[in-house]
């Protein structure tokens, strides 16, 4: 699936994924209309539970944070 994300306001955003089997999330902040140079923010492989994004500790220090959540991205 391909699509576009328009930030509702200027600021920092963090994305999360939920997928069955595998998925990748790519975003091009510098040239939004050029998908060929998008940077990969998240990659999840193989067989996950349905909507397995619920982790108990969603703080910045959580060791599980990298599983579903991207780093912060500044968007305008």
PDB file of N, CA and C in Angstrom:
ATOM      1  N   UNK A   1       0.839  -1.155   0.000  1.00  0.00           N
ATOM      2  CA  UNK A   1       0.000   0.000   0.000  1.00  0.00           C
ATOM      3  C   UNK A   1       0.894   1.231   0.000  1.00  0.00           C
ATOM      4  N   UNK A   2       0.575   2.212  -0.769  1.00  0.00           N
ATOM      5  CA  UNK A   2       1.272   3.494  -0.759  1.00  0.00           C
ATOM      6  C   UNK A   2       0.265   4.590  -0.461  1.00  0.00           C
ATOM      7  N   UNK A   3       0.738   5.642   0.158  1.00  0.00           N
ATOM      8  CA  UNK A   3      -0.153   6.752   0.464  1.00  0.00           C
ATOM      9  C   UNK A   3       0.629   7.970   0.875  1.00  0.00           C
ATOM     10  N   UNK A   4      -0.082   8.993   1.269  1.00  0.00           N
ATOM     11  CA  UNK A   4       0.518  10.250   1.703  1.00  0.00           C
ATOM     12  C   UNK A   4       0.015  10.571   3.096  1.00  0.00           C
ATOM     13  N   UNK A   5       0.859  11.236   3.858  1.00  0.00           N
ATOM     14  CA  UNK A   5       0.482  11.719   5.180  1.00  0.00           C
ATOM     15  C   UNK A   5       0.715  13.214   5.209  1.00  0.00           C
ATOM     16  N   UNK A   6      -0.322  13.973   5.495  1.00  0.00           N
ATOM     17  CA  UNK A   6      -0.186  15.421   5.638  1.00  0.00           C
ATOM     18  C   UNK A   6      -0.308  15.743   7.119  1.00  0.00           C
ATOM     19  N   UNK A   7       0.763  16.320   7.648  1.00  0.00           N
ATOM     20  CA  UNK A   7       0.763  16.667   9.074  1.00  0.00           C
ATOM     21  C   UNK A   7      -0.326  17.704   9.350  1.00  0.00           C
ATOM     22  N   UNK A   8      -1.164  17.478  10.350  1.00  0.00           N
ATOM     23  CA  UNK A   8      -2.221  18.442  10.658  1.00  0.00           C
ATOM     24  C   UNK A   8      -1.683  19.749  11.239  1.00  0.00           C
ATOM     25  N   UNK A   9      -0.515  19.679  11.852  1.00  0.00           N
ATOM     26  CA  UNK A   9       0.158  20.855  12.405  1.00  0.00           C
ATOM     27  C   UNK A   9       1.667  20.635  12.267  1.00  0.00           C
ATOM     28  N   UNK A  10       2.441  21.690  12.353  1.00  0.00           N
ATOM     29  CA  UNK A  10       3.893  21.577  12.351  1.00  0.00           C
ATOM     30  C   UNK A  10       4.347  21.072  13.716  1.00  0.00           C
ATOM     31  N   UNK A  11       5.221  20.088  13.706  1.00  0.00           N
ATOM     32  CA  UNK A  11       5.717  19.576  14.978  1.00  0.00           C
ATOM     33  C   UNK A  11       6.364  18.216  14.840  1.00  0.00           C
ATOM     34  N   UNK A  12       6.616  17.598  16.001  1.00  0.00           N
ATOM     35  CA  UNK A  12       7.243  16.279  16.050  1.00  0.00           C
ATOM     36  C   UNK A  12       6.154  15.206  16.030  1.00  0.00           C
ATOM     37  N   UNK A  13       6.396  14.167  15.225  1.00  0.00           N
ATOM     38  CA  UNK A  13       5.456  13.063  15.117  1.00  0.00           C
ATOM     39  C   UNK A  13       6.207  11.747  15.273  1.00  0.00           C
ATOM     40  N   UNK A  14       5.507  10.767  15.761  1.00  0.00           N
ATOM     41  CA  UNK A  14       6.038   9.416  15.868  1.00  0.00           C
ATOM     42  C   UNK A  14       4.972   8.484  15.300  1.00  0.00           C
ATOM     43  N   UNK A  15       5.392   7.543  14.489  1.00  0.00           N
ATOM     44  CA  UNK A  15       4.465   6.648  13.831  1.00  0.00           C
ATOM     45  C   UNK A  15       4.542   5.262  14.457  1.00  0.00           C
ATOM     46  N   UNK A  16       3.462   4.504  14.314  1.00  0.00           N
ATOM     47  CA  UNK A  16       3.496   3.137  14.786  1.00  0.00           C
ATOM     48  C   UNK A  16       2.893   2.234  13.729  1.00  0.00           C
ATOM     49  N   UNK A  17       3.287   0.974  13.732  1.00  0.00           N
ATOM     50  CA  UNK A  17       2.790   0.030  12.747  1.00  0.00           C
ATOM     51  C   UNK A  17       2.097  -1.139  13.420  1.00  0.00           C
ATOM     52  N   UNK A  18       1.159  -1.696  12.703  1.00  0.00           N
ATOM     53  CA  UNK A  18       0.530  -2.944  13.080  1.00  0.00           C
ATOM     54  C   UNK A  18       0.261  -3.675  11.776  1.00  0.00           C
ATOM     55  N   UNK A  19       0.825  -4.856  11.634  1.00  0.00           N
ATOM     56  CA  UNK A  19       0.651  -5.578  10.373  1.00  0.00           C
ATOM     57  C   UNK A  19       0.725  -7.075  10.602  1.00  0.00           C
ATOM     58  N   UNK A  20       0.172  -7.799   9.654  1.00  0.00           N
ATOM     59  CA  UNK A  20       0.262  -9.248   9.687  1.00  0.00           C
ATOM     60  C   UNK A  20       1.329  -9.651   8.675  1.00  0.00           C
ATOM     61  N   UNK A  21       2.142 -10.580   9.019  1.00  0.00           N
ATOM     62  CA  UNK A  21       3.283 -11.032   8.235  1.00  0.00           C
ATOM     63  C   UNK A  21       4.408 -10.013   8.299  1.00  0.00           C
ATOM     64  N   UNK A  22       4.494  -9.058   7.385  1.00  0.00           N
ATOM     65  CA  UNK A  22       5.588  -8.084   7.458  1.00  0.00           C
ATOM     66  C   UNK A  22       5.171  -6.771   6.817  1.00  0.00           C
ATOM     67  N   UNK A  23       5.844  -5.701   7.216  1.00  0.00           N
ATOM     68  CA  UNK A  23       5.560  -4.394   6.637  1.00  0.00           C
ATOM     69  C   UNK A  23       6.756  -3.468   6.850  1.00  0.00           C
ATOM     70  N   UNK A  24       6.800  -2.427   6.030  1.00  0.00           N
ATOM     71  CA  UNK A  24       7.811  -1.379   6.148  1.00  0.00           C
ATOM     72  C   UNK A  24       7.106  -0.042   6.065  1.00  0.00           C
ATOM     73  N   UNK A  25       7.571   0.918   6.829  1.00  0.00           N
ATOM     74  CA  UNK A  25       7.036   2.271   6.767  1.00  0.00           C
ATOM     75  C   UNK A  25       8.158   3.184   6.313  1.00  0.00           C
ATOM     76  N   UNK A  26       7.945   3.840   5.180  1.00  0.00           N
ATOM     77  CA  UNK A  26       8.934   4.768   4.633  1.00  0.00           C
ATOM     78  C   UNK A  26       8.297   6.146   4.519  1.00  0.00           C
ATOM     79  N   UNK A  27       9.127   7.175   4.682  1.00  0.00           N
ATOM     80  CA  UNK A  27       8.644   8.551   4.618  1.00  0.00           C
ATOM     81  C   UNK A  27       9.735   9.424   4.034  1.00  0.00           C
ATOM     82  N   UNK A  28       9.361  10.328   3.173  1.00  0.00           N
ATOM     83  CA  UNK A  28      10.302  11.286   2.608  1.00  0.00           C
ATOM     84  C   UNK A  28       9.944  12.669   3.125  1.00  0.00           C
ATOM     85  N   UNK A  29      10.711  13.147   4.087  1.00  0.00           N
ATOM     86  CA  UNK A  29      10.454  14.446   4.701  1.00  0.00           C
ATOM     87  C   UNK A  29      10.940  15.577   3.808  1.00  0.00           C
ATOM     88  N   UNK A  30      12.071  15.385   3.129  1.00  0.00           N
ATOM     89  CA  UNK A  30      12.665  16.448   2.312  1.00  0.00           C
ATOM     90  C   UNK A  30      11.920  16.703   1.011  1.00  0.00           C
ATOM     91  N   UNK A  31      11.504  15.637   0.340  1.00  0.00           N
ATOM     92  CA  UNK A  31      10.773  15.748  -0.923  1.00  0.00           C
ATOM     93  C   UNK A  31       9.532  14.867  -0.849  1.00  0.00           C
ATOM     94  N   UNK A  32       8.452  15.352  -0.239  1.00  0.00           N
ATOM     95  CA  UNK A  32       7.275  14.519   0.024  1.00  0.00           C
ATOM     96  C   UNK A  32       6.644  13.876  -1.214  1.00  0.00           C
ATOM     97  N   UNK A  33       6.816  14.466  -2.379  1.00  0.00           N
ATOM     98  CA  UNK A  33       6.192  13.918  -3.579  1.00  0.00           C
ATOM     99  C   UNK A  33       7.115  12.979  -4.347  1.00  0.00           C
ATOM    100  N   UNK A  34       8.257  12.603  -3.750  1.00  0.00           N
ATOM    101  CA  UNK A  34       9.219  11.720  -4.400  1.00  0.00           C
ATOM    102  C   UNK A  34       9.407  10.451  -3.568  1.00  0.00           C
ATOM    103  N   UNK A  35       8.565   9.442  -3.786  1.00  0.00           N
ATOM    104  CA  UNK A  35       8.653   8.226  -2.963  1.00  0.00           C
ATOM    105  C   UNK A  35       9.920   7.404  -3.170  1.00  0.00           C
ATOM    106  N   UNK A  36      10.599   7.580  -4.277  1.00  0.00           N
ATOM    107  CA  UNK A  36      11.781   6.743  -4.539  1.00  0.00           C
ATOM    108  C   UNK A  36      12.949   7.032  -3.595  1.00  0.00           C
ATOM    109  N   UNK A  37      12.956   8.177  -2.932  1.00  0.00           N
ATOM    110  CA  UNK A  37      14.044   8.515  -2.006  1.00  0.00           C
ATOM    111  C   UNK A  37      13.574   8.551  -0.543  1.00  0.00           C
ATOM    112  N   UNK A  38      12.461   7.888  -0.268  1.00  0.00           N
ATOM    113  CA  UNK A  38      11.931   7.852   1.098  1.00  0.00           C
ATOM    114  C   UNK A  38      12.869   7.070   2.016  1.00  0.00           C
ATOM    115  N   UNK A  39      12.890   7.449   3.273  1.00  0.00           N
ATOM    116  CA  UNK A  39      13.717   6.810   4.291  1.00  0.00           C
ATOM    117  C   UNK A  39      12.847   5.838   5.093  1.00  0.00           C
ATOM    118  N   UNK A  40      13.373   4.662   5.358  1.00  0.00           N
ATOM    119  CA  UNK A  40      12.625   3.675   6.125  1.00  0.00           C
ATOM    120  C   UNK A  40      12.621   4.042   7.601  1.00  0.00           C
ATOM    121  N   UNK A  41      11.423   4.193   8.167  1.00  0.00           N
ATOM    122  CA  UNK A  41      11.278   4.522   9.582  1.00  0.00           C
ATOM    123  C   UNK A  41      11.076   3.271  10.432  1.00  0.00           C
ATOM    124  N   UNK A  42      10.348   2.306   9.898  1.00  0.00           N
ATOM    125  CA  UNK A  42      10.044   1.086  10.641  1.00  0.00           C
ATOM    126  C   UNK A  42      10.058  -0.115   9.720  1.00  0.00           C
ATOM    127  N   UNK A  43      10.405  -1.249  10.261  1.00  0.00           N
ATOM    128  CA  UNK A  43      10.334  -2.499   9.526  1.00  0.00           C
ATOM    129  C   UNK A  43       9.954  -3.595  10.509  1.00  0.00           C
ATOM    130  N   UNK A  44       8.921  -4.333  10.188  1.00  0.00           N
ATOM    131  CA  UNK A  44       8.495  -5.448  11.042  1.00  0.00           C
ATOM    132  C   UNK A  44       8.408  -6.684  10.195  1.00  0.00           C
ATOM    133  N   UNK A  45       8.935  -7.766  10.684  1.00  0.00           N
ATOM    134  CA  UNK A  45       8.926  -9.007   9.933  1.00  0.00           C
ATOM    135  C   UNK A  45       8.037 -10.049  10.555  1.00  0.00           C
ATOM    136  N   UNK A  46       7.598 -10.931   9.763  1.00  0.00           N
ATOM    137  CA  UNK A  46       7.007 -12.215  10.078  1.00  0.00           C
ATOM    138  C   UNK A  46       6.044 -12.295  11.255  1.00  0.00           C
ATOM    139  N   UNK A  47       4.937 -12.777  10.970  1.00  0.00           N
ATOM    140  CA  UNK A  47       3.920 -13.289  11.895  1.00  0.00           C
ATOM    141  C   UNK A  47       3.775 -12.551  13.229  1.00  0.00           C
ATOM    142  N   UNK A  48       3.009 -11.525  13.251  1.00  0.00           N
ATOM    143  CA  UNK A  48       2.692 -10.792  14.481  1.00  0.00           C
ATOM    144  C   UNK A  48       1.230 -11.019  14.837  1.00  0.00           C
ATOM    145  N   UNK A  49       0.904 -10.823  16.085  1.00  0.00           N
ATOM    146  CA  UNK A  49      -0.495 -10.890  16.498  1.00  0.00           C
ATOM    147  C   UNK A  49      -1.235  -9.676  15.958  1.00  0.00           C
ATOM    148  N   UNK A  50      -2.520  -9.801  15.797  1.00  0.00           N
ATOM    149  CA  UNK A  50      -3.346  -8.710  15.298  1.00  0.00           C
ATOM    150  C   UNK A  50      -3.249  -7.515  16.243  1.00  0.00           C
ATOM    151  N   UNK A  51      -2.899  -6.380  15.701  1.00  0.00           N
ATOM    152  CA  UNK A  51      -2.770  -5.127  16.463  1.00  0.00           C
ATOM    153  C   UNK A  51      -1.956  -5.302  17.740  1.00  0.00           C
ATOM    154  N   UNK A  52      -0.758  -5.818  17.597  1.00  0.00           N
ATOM    155  CA  UNK A  52       0.103  -6.074  18.756  1.00  0.00           C
ATOM    156  C   UNK A  52       0.901  -4.843  19.169  1.00  0.00           C
ATOM    157  N   UNK A  53       0.284  -3.689  19.111  1.00  0.00           N
ATOM    158  CA  UNK A  53       0.976  -2.444  19.452  1.00  0.00           C
ATOM    159  C   UNK A  53       0.830  -2.070  20.914  1.00  0.00           C
ATOM    160  N   UNK A  54       0.004  -2.767  21.652  1.00  0.00           N
ATOM    161  CA  UNK A  54      -0.219  -2.411  23.049  1.00  0.00           C
ATOM    162  C   UNK A  54       0.910  -2.943  23.927  1.00  0.00           C
ATOM    163  N   UNK A  55       1.818  -2.056  24.290  1.00  0.00           N
ATOM    164  CA  UNK A  55       2.867  -2.417  25.236  1.00  0.00           C
ATOM    165  C   UNK A  55       2.635  -1.610  26.496  1.00  0.00           C
ATOM    166  N   UNK A  56       3.004  -2.140  27.609  1.00  0.00           N
ATOM    167  CA  UNK A  56       2.696  -1.488  28.877  1.00  0.00           C
ATOM    168  C   UNK A  56       3.452  -0.189  29.068  1.00  0.00           C
ATOM    169  N   UNK A  57       4.737  -0.174  28.712  1.00  0.00           N
ATOM    170  CA  UNK A  57       5.566   1.005  28.955  1.00  0.00           C
ATOM    171  C   UNK A  57       5.873   1.685  27.631  1.00  0.00           C
ATOM    172  N   UNK A  58       5.211   2.807  27.355  1.00  0.00           N
ATOM    173  CA  UNK A  58       5.427   3.534  26.109  1.00  0.00           C
ATOM    174  C   UNK A  58       6.369   4.737  26.309  1.00  0.00           C
ATOM    175  N   UNK A  59       7.138   4.730  27.394  1.00  0.00           N
ATOM    176  CA  UNK A  59       8.060   5.830  27.664  1.00  0.00           C
ATOM    177  C   UNK A  59       9.257   5.767  26.723  1.00  0.00           C
ATOM    178  N   UNK A  60       9.990   6.860  26.611  1.00  0.00           N
ATOM    179  CA  UNK A  60      11.155   6.928  25.728  1.00  0.00           C
ATOM    180  C   UNK A  60      12.251   5.946  26.111  1.00  0.00           C
ATOM    181  N   UNK A  61      12.238   5.445  27.348  1.00  0.00           N
ATOM    182  CA  UNK A  61      13.291   4.537  27.795  1.00  0.00           C
ATOM    183  C   UNK A  61      12.887   3.063  27.679  1.00  0.00           C
ATOM    184  N   UNK A  62      11.684   2.805  27.216  1.00  0.00           N
ATOM    185  CA  UNK A  62      11.211   1.429  27.124  1.00  0.00           C
ATOM    186  C   UNK A  62      12.045   0.632  26.131  1.00  0.00           C
ATOM    187  N   UNK A  63      12.444  -0.561  26.511  1.00  0.00           N
ATOM    188  CA  UNK A  63      13.207  -1.409  25.596  1.00  0.00           C
ATOM    189  C   UNK A  63      12.330  -1.937  24.469  1.00  0.00           C
ATOM    190  N   UNK A  64      11.035  -1.900  24.637  1.00  0.00           N
ATOM    191  CA  UNK A  64      10.102  -2.382  23.622  1.00  0.00           C
ATOM    192  C   UNK A  64       9.696  -1.277  22.640  1.00  0.00           C
ATOM    193  N   UNK A  65      10.105  -0.038  22.877  1.00  0.00           N
ATOM    194  CA  UNK A  65       9.640   1.090  22.069  1.00  0.00           C
ATOM    195  C   UNK A  65       9.981   0.923  20.601  1.00  0.00           C
ATOM    196  N   UNK A  66      11.130   0.375  20.285  1.00  0.00           N
ATOM    197  CA  UNK A  66      11.530   0.228  18.898  1.00  0.00           C
ATOM    198  C   UNK A  66      10.763  -0.823  18.124  1.00  0.00           C
ATOM    199  N   UNK A  67       9.974  -1.627  18.788  1.00  0.00           N
ATOM    200  CA  UNK A  67       9.241  -2.683  18.114  1.00  0.00           C
ATOM    201  C   UNK A  67       8.155  -2.108  17.211  1.00  0.00           C
ATOM    202  N   UNK A  68       7.386  -1.168  17.692  1.00  0.00           N
ATOM    203  CA  UNK A  68       6.253  -0.646  16.944  1.00  0.00           C
ATOM    204  C   UNK A  68       6.348   0.835  16.614  1.00  0.00           C
ATOM    205  N   UNK A  69       7.131   1.577  17.360  1.00  0.00           N
ATOM    206  CA  UNK A  69       7.139   3.027  17.227  1.00  0.00           C
ATOM    207  C   UNK A  69       8.386   3.529  16.506  1.00  0.00           C
ATOM    208  N   UNK A  70       8.210   4.520  15.636  1.00  0.00           N
ATOM    209  CA  UNK A  70       9.348   5.131  14.942  1.00  0.00           C
ATOM    210  C   UNK A  70      10.021   6.150  15.844  1.00  0.00           C
ATOM    211  N   UNK A  71      11.186   6.610  15.419  1.00  0.00           N
ATOM    212  CA  UNK A  71      11.804   7.756  16.073  1.00  0.00           C
ATOM    213  C   UNK A  71      10.945   8.980  15.790  1.00  0.00           C
ATOM    214  N   UNK A  72      11.183  10.050  16.527  1.00  0.00           N
ATOM    215  CA  UNK A  72      10.462  11.293  16.288  1.00  0.00           C
ATOM    216  C   UNK A  72      10.902  11.891  14.943  1.00  0.00           C
ATOM    217  N   UNK A  73       9.923  12.407  14.195  1.00  0.00           N
ATOM    218  CA  UNK A  73      10.169  13.034  12.894  1.00  0.00           C
ATOM    219  C   UNK A  73       9.541  14.414  12.919  1.00  0.00           C
ATOM    220  N   UNK A  74      10.297  15.437  12.534  1.00  0.00           N
ATOM    221  CA  UNK A  74       9.757  16.801  12.491  1.00  0.00           C
ATOM    222  C   UNK A  74       9.112  17.029  11.135  1.00  0.00           C
ATOM    223  N   UNK A  75       7.841  17.397  11.134  1.00  0.00           N
ATOM    224  CA  UNK A  75       7.090  17.647   9.901  1.00  0.00           C
ATOM    225  C   UNK A  75       6.473  19.041   9.910  1.00  0.00           C
ATOM    226  N   UNK A  76       6.341  19.626   8.721  1.00  0.00           N
ATOM    227  CA  UNK A  76       5.688  20.939   8.593  1.00  0.00           C
ATOM    228  C   UNK A  76       4.426  20.809   7.770  1.00  0.00           C
TER     229      UNK A  76
END
